[in-house]
Amino acid sequence: MPTMQKARTAAAAVAGKNGHSLISSEKFRELYSALVKCELLEQRLGLSSNGKNGMAGAVGITLDLEREDTLILSPQIFAANLIKGAPLRALIDHNENGHPANALHFAAVNALTPGTPSAVVQAGLAAGAALANKMAGNRKVAVALIEGSAATLSEYREAMELASANKLPVLYVMRASPGRKLEKALTEAGELVPVITVDADDVVAVYRVAQESIARARDGFASLIVCVPCSANGAPDNAVANMERYLTGKKLFRNHWKDQATAEFEREMAAACVPPVNPLA
């Protein structure tokens, strides 16, 4: 039988049997500040900031990854690159000048950005990195962020089979649109690894299921998180606005959080855009 988990169930497991959140106020602030910075970066790069670039998912998945954990993604997932520690100047230069992502820019943060970021390549890289981690016994995980659809799941079925059979420390994350084809594909994927569906634009929900899945991955249990937009019309919601409503409802939101995060990141972006000094000039 397929092993399927819904986001609400997974979130409840992380929150505890009484349903109380284990996320501290400081962690809520970190999540919110990260969203604000990612939104500012997307605006600076001239990208849509309404969430369709997977901003909430990228933040929720990557925020607490360890530096030595491997992240496989495309250079275009700027939010995940930013949270994992890629230099701002490299991200801005890549977007504005169309330069391929320089491996040196990302090596320090252990993120792999294949030149051809197909699902097969990304899934294969994740499985390979996870196998290396397992052989080293270092309890590090590999996480692949993949843009896709129901058809994409069949493309990396072989990698999931390998991960399941060999108990690899790997987590696959895919953002996809809802539909009957996706439901069927998830049922089939659930025969190989646990599948968790979550609201793609709810950073708190993504963070909760990511914590559980990453912890399981460190013990050698692969899983798949599927981020699906849950708005009424299927269009992406604004992740920052969603988070503000959530925090306001919990009486945790502070206006100065946004002001502080905005001011800090604007200074970082300004510094990143200053051309480096040529000592030979």
Protein backbone atom coordinates (compact mmCIF):
# COMPACT_ATOMS: atom_id res chain seq x y z
CA MET A 1 0.00 0.00 0.00
CA PRO A 2 1.25 3.52 -0.75
CA THR A 3 2.59 5.45 2.21
CA MET A 4 0.87 8.82 1.97
CA GLN A 5 0.91 11.63 4.51
CA LYS A 6 -0.95 14.89 4.35
CA ALA A 7 0.75 18.09 5.44
CA ARG A 8 -1.65 18.59 8.33
CA THR A 9 -0.83 15.18 9.76
CA ALA A 10 2.91 15.70 9.38
CA ALA A 11 2.71 19.16 10.92
CA ALA A 12 0.76 17.80 13.88
CA ALA A 13 3.41 15.15 14.44
CA VAL A 14 6.08 17.83 14.60
CA ALA A 15 3.96 20.09 16.79
CA GLY A 16 3.28 17.34 19.33
CA LYS A 17 0.29 15.32 20.40
CA ASN A 18 -1.51 18.35 21.83
CA GLY A 19 -1.03 20.32 18.64
CA HIS A 20 1.07 23.04 20.27
CA SER A 21 3.67 24.63 18.03
CA LEU A 22 7.28 23.87 18.89
CA ILE A 23 8.50 26.72 16.71
CA SER A 24 9.97 29.48 18.85
CA SER A 25 9.17 33.14 18.38
CA GLU A 26 12.76 33.65 17.25
CA LYS A 27 12.40 30.96 14.59
CA PHE A 28 9.17 32.56 13.36
CA ARG A 29 11.12 35.80 13.06
CA GLU A 30 13.90 34.04 11.11
CA LEU A 31 11.37 32.54 8.71
CA TYR A 32 9.65 35.87 8.19
CA SER A 33 12.91 37.81 7.74
CA ALA A 34 14.14 35.24 5.21
CA LEU A 35 10.92 35.62 3.22
CA VAL A 36 11.25 39.41 3.22
CA LYS A 37 14.84 39.20 1.97
CA CYS A 38 13.93 36.71 -0.75
CA GLU A 39 11.08 38.94 -1.90
CA LEU A 40 13.41 41.95 -2.04
CA LEU A 41 15.95 39.93 -4.03
CA GLU A 42 13.30 38.80 -6.54
CA GLN A 43 12.17 42.41 -6.94
CA ARG A 44 15.79 43.50 -7.43
CA LEU A 45 16.22 40.82 -10.09
CA GLY A 46 12.99 41.81 -11.82
CA LEU A 47 11.28 38.51 -10.99
CA SER A 48 7.71 37.96 -9.88
CA SER A 49 7.47 38.23 -6.11
CA ASN A 50 4.03 36.64 -5.83
CA GLY A 51 5.43 33.27 -4.85
CA LYS A 52 5.44 31.40 -8.13
CA ASN A 53 9.21 30.98 -7.87
CA GLY A 54 8.76 28.73 -4.84
CA MET A 55 9.95 31.28 -2.30
CA ALA A 56 8.09 29.84 0.71
CA GLY A 57 9.17 26.31 -0.14
CA ALA A 58 12.80 27.32 -0.63
CA VAL A 59 12.90 29.13 2.72
CA GLY A 60 11.05 26.44 4.66
CA ILE A 61 13.23 23.65 3.29
CA THR A 62 16.67 25.27 3.43
CA LEU A 63 16.57 27.54 6.49
CA ASP A 64 17.89 24.95 8.96
CA LEU A 65 19.96 22.80 6.65
CA GLU A 66 23.47 22.34 7.97
CA ARG A 67 26.30 23.86 6.00
CA GLU A 68 27.65 20.42 5.07
CA ASP A 69 24.27 19.18 3.80
CA THR A 70 24.09 19.03 0.01
CA LEU A 71 21.48 21.05 -1.87
CA ILE A 72 20.77 20.31 -5.53
CA LEU A 73 18.90 23.02 -7.39
CA SER A 74 18.95 25.18 -10.49
CA PRO A 75 20.66 28.61 -10.45
CA GLN A 76 17.23 30.16 -11.10
CA ILE A 77 15.95 29.17 -7.64
CA PHE A 78 17.43 32.35 -6.23
CA ALA A 79 15.69 32.14 -2.84
CA ALA A 80 17.24 28.76 -1.98
CA ASN A 81 20.65 29.90 -3.22
CA LEU A 82 20.38 32.98 -1.01
CA ILE A 83 19.32 31.10 2.14
CA LYS A 84 22.02 28.45 1.64
CA GLY A 85 24.64 31.20 1.54
CA ALA A 86 25.41 31.93 -2.11
CA PRO A 87 27.03 35.38 -2.46
CA LEU A 88 24.59 38.11 -3.44
CA ARG A 89 26.95 39.44 -6.08
CA ALA A 90 27.06 36.02 -7.78
CA LEU A 91 23.26 35.78 -7.85
CA ILE A 92 22.81 39.30 -9.21
CA ASP A 93 25.55 38.83 -11.79
CA HIS A 94 24.10 35.53 -12.95
CA ASN A 95 20.64 37.02 -13.40
CA GLU A 96 21.65 40.30 -15.02
CA ASN A 97 24.44 39.06 -17.29
CA GLY A 98 23.27 35.53 -18.03
CA HIS A 99 26.52 34.02 -16.80
CA PRO A 100 26.41 30.33 -15.93
CA ALA A 101 26.59 29.75 -12.19
CA ASN A 102 30.25 29.52 -11.28
CA ALA A 103 30.89 26.36 -9.26
CA LEU A 104 33.27 28.32 -7.04
CA HIS A 105 30.41 30.59 -5.98
CA PHE A 106 28.45 27.70 -4.57
CA ALA A 107 31.09 25.20 -3.50
CA ALA A 108 31.51 26.89 -0.13
CA VAL A 109 27.89 26.26 0.76
CA ASN A 110 27.78 22.72 -0.66
CA ALA A 111 25.11 23.47 -3.25
CA LEU A 112 25.19 21.82 -6.66
CA THR A 113 23.73 23.67 -9.62
CA PRO A 114 23.86 21.44 -12.71
CA GLY A 115 24.18 23.18 -16.07
CA THR A 116 21.20 21.15 -17.30
CA PRO A 117 18.87 21.13 -14.31
CA SER A 118 16.56 18.36 -15.51
CA ALA A 119 14.72 16.22 -12.97
CA VAL A 120 16.78 13.17 -13.93
CA VAL A 121 20.08 15.00 -13.43
CA GLN A 122 19.02 16.58 -10.14
CA ALA A 123 17.62 13.34 -8.75
CA GLY A 124 20.75 11.46 -9.76
CA LEU A 125 23.03 14.03 -8.14
CA ALA A 126 20.99 13.87 -4.94
CA ALA A 127 21.15 10.08 -4.82
CA GLY A 128 24.90 10.15 -5.47
CA ALA A 129 25.54 12.73 -2.75
CA ALA A 130 23.34 10.80 -0.33
CA LEU A 131 25.22 7.57 -1.07
CA ALA A 132 28.53 9.32 -0.39
CA ASN A 133 27.15 10.64 2.90
CA LYS A 134 25.93 7.20 3.90
CA MET A 135 29.29 5.62 3.17
CA ALA A 136 31.01 8.35 5.19
CA GLY A 137 28.57 7.85 8.06
CA ASN A 138 28.39 11.60 8.62
CA ARG A 139 24.57 11.90 9.00
CA LYS A 140 24.48 14.62 6.35
CA VAL A 141 21.59 14.74 3.91
CA ALA A 142 21.11 15.59 0.26
CA VAL A 143 18.09 17.69 -0.74
CA ALA A 144 16.92 18.15 -4.32
CA LEU A 145 14.60 21.07 -5.13
CA ILE A 146 12.88 20.25 -8.41
CA GLU A 147 10.36 22.20 -10.45
CA GLY A 148 8.02 19.76 -12.14
CA SER A 149 4.70 18.13 -12.78
CA ALA A 150 3.10 14.71 -12.56
CA ALA A 151 5.23 13.60 -15.50
CA THR A 152 8.39 14.70 -13.70
CA LEU A 153 7.90 12.12 -10.97
CA SER A 154 8.26 9.27 -13.43
CA GLU A 155 11.55 10.78 -14.63
CA TYR A 156 13.24 10.27 -11.28
CA ARG A 157 11.45 7.11 -10.18
CA GLU A 158 14.68 5.16 -10.61
CA ALA A 159 16.48 7.50 -8.21
CA MET A 160 13.71 7.13 -5.62
CA GLU A 161 13.85 3.34 -6.01
CA LEU A 162 17.60 3.49 -5.35
CA ALA A 163 17.12 5.76 -2.34
CA SER A 164 14.42 3.54 -0.87
CA ALA A 165 16.22 0.25 -1.42
CA ASN A 166 19.51 1.50 0.00
CA LYS A 167 18.12 3.66 2.82
CA LEU A 168 19.81 6.78 1.51
CA PRO A 169 19.73 10.07 3.48
CA VAL A 170 17.96 12.06 0.78
CA LEU A 171 14.93 14.33 0.52
CA TYR A 172 13.22 15.17 -2.75
CA VAL A 173 11.16 18.36 -2.93
CA MET A 174 8.98 19.24 -5.91
CA ARG A 175 6.65 22.15 -6.60
CA ALA A 176 3.75 21.19 -8.86
CA SER A 177 0.22 22.25 -9.77
CA PRO A 178 -2.69 20.23 -8.35
CA GLY A 179 -4.74 17.88 -10.48
CA ARG A 180 -5.80 14.28 -11.04
CA LYS A 181 -2.60 13.41 -12.87
CA LEU A 182 -0.56 14.64 -9.93
CA GLU A 183 -2.65 12.62 -7.46
CA LYS A 184 -2.09 9.46 -9.49
CA ALA A 185 1.64 10.14 -9.75
CA LEU A 186 1.89 10.73 -6.00
CA THR A 187 0.12 7.46 -5.29
CA GLU A 188 2.68 5.65 -7.44
CA ALA A 189 5.57 7.51 -5.79
CA GLY A 190 4.13 6.61 -2.39
CA GLU A 191 4.85 2.96 -3.13
CA LEU A 192 8.55 3.83 -2.92
CA VAL A 193 8.91 6.58 -0.31
CA PRO A 194 6.65 8.51 2.08
CA VAL A 195 4.95 11.39 0.23
CA ILE A 196 3.98 14.60 2.03
CA THR A 197 1.88 17.26 0.33
CA VAL A 198 2.00 20.80 1.68
CA ASP A 199 0.74 24.27 0.78
CA ALA A 200 3.46 25.70 -1.45
CA ASP A 201 2.93 29.26 -0.17
CA ASP A 202 2.75 28.49 3.57
CA VAL A 203 6.31 28.74 4.87
CA VAL A 204 5.35 27.51 8.36
CA ALA A 205 3.73 24.35 7.01
CA VAL A 206 6.70 23.71 4.73
CA TYR A 207 9.16 24.28 7.57
CA ARG A 208 7.35 21.84 9.84
CA VAL A 209 7.21 18.98 7.37
CA ALA A 210 10.80 19.72 6.29
CA GLN A 211 12.06 19.35 9.86
CA GLU A 212 10.42 15.96 10.22
CA SER A 213 11.55 14.76 6.79
CA ILE A 214 15.14 15.95 7.19
CA ALA A 215 15.38 14.25 10.59
CA ARG A 216 14.12 11.01 9.04
CA ALA A 217 16.54 11.39 6.13
CA ARG A 218 19.47 11.58 8.56
CA ASP A 219 18.39 8.13 9.76
CA GLY A 220 18.37 6.79 6.21
CA PHE A 221 14.72 7.18 5.28
CA ALA A 222 14.14 8.99 1.98
CA SER A 223 10.93 10.91 1.38
CA LEU A 224 9.25 13.26 -1.07
CA ILE A 225 7.68 16.63 -0.22
CA VAL A 226 5.34 18.02 -2.86
CA CYS A 227 4.57 21.74 -2.57
CA VAL A 228 1.19 22.46 -4.16
CA PRO A 229 -0.48 25.91 -4.37
CA CYS A 230 -3.65 25.70 -2.30
CA SER A 231 -5.35 28.99 -3.18
CA ALA A 232 -8.92 28.90 -4.46
CA ASN A 233 -7.98 29.65 -8.07
CA GLY A 234 -4.73 27.69 -8.08
CA ALA A 235 -2.66 30.85 -8.44
CA PRO A 236 0.26 31.39 -6.05
CA ASP A 237 -0.34 33.46 -2.92
CA ASN A 238 2.08 36.04 -1.60
CA ALA A 239 4.20 34.15 0.91
CA VAL A 240 5.15 37.25 2.91
CA ALA A 241 1.53 38.38 3.28
CA ASN A 242 0.54 34.83 4.27
CA MET A 243 3.17 34.81 6.99
CA GLU A 244 2.13 38.22 8.28
CA ARG A 245 -1.48 37.04 8.61
CA TYR A 246 -0.35 33.88 10.38
CA LEU A 247 1.85 35.73 12.87
CA THR A 248 -0.81 38.38 13.48
CA GLY A 249 -3.29 35.63 14.33
CA LYS A 250 -0.82 34.25 16.87
CA LYS A 251 -0.19 37.78 18.23
CA LEU A 252 3.48 37.47 17.30
CA PHE A 253 3.86 39.90 14.42
CA ARG A 254 6.02 42.95 14.98
CA ASN A 255 6.11 45.77 12.42
CA HIS A 256 9.77 46.46 13.13
CA TRP A 257 10.67 42.94 11.94
CA LYS A 258 9.95 43.91 8.35
CA ASP A 259 11.60 47.32 8.67
CA GLN A 260 14.73 45.79 10.17
CA ALA A 261 14.94 42.93 7.65
CA THR A 262 14.37 45.33 4.76
CA ALA A 263 16.98 47.84 5.91
CA GLU A 264 19.61 45.14 6.54
CA PHE A 265 19.11 43.45 3.20
CA GLU A 266 19.02 46.68 1.22
CA ARG A 267 22.43 47.49 2.69
CA GLU A 268 23.66 44.02 1.69
CA MET A 269 22.37 44.44 -1.86
CA ALA A 270 23.93 47.88 -2.16
CA ALA A 271 27.29 46.50 -1.03
CA ALA A 272 26.97 43.52 -3.40
CA CYS A 273 26.46 45.83 -6.38
CA VAL A 274 29.66 47.81 -5.75
CA PRO A 275 32.29 46.68 -8.30
CA PRO A 276 35.29 44.98 -6.67
CA VAL A 277 38.49 47.00 -6.46
CA ASN A 278 41.16 45.93 -8.94
CA PRO A 279 44.47 46.08 -7.02
CA LEU A 280 46.39 46.21 -10.33
CA ALA A 281 44.48 49.22 -11.65
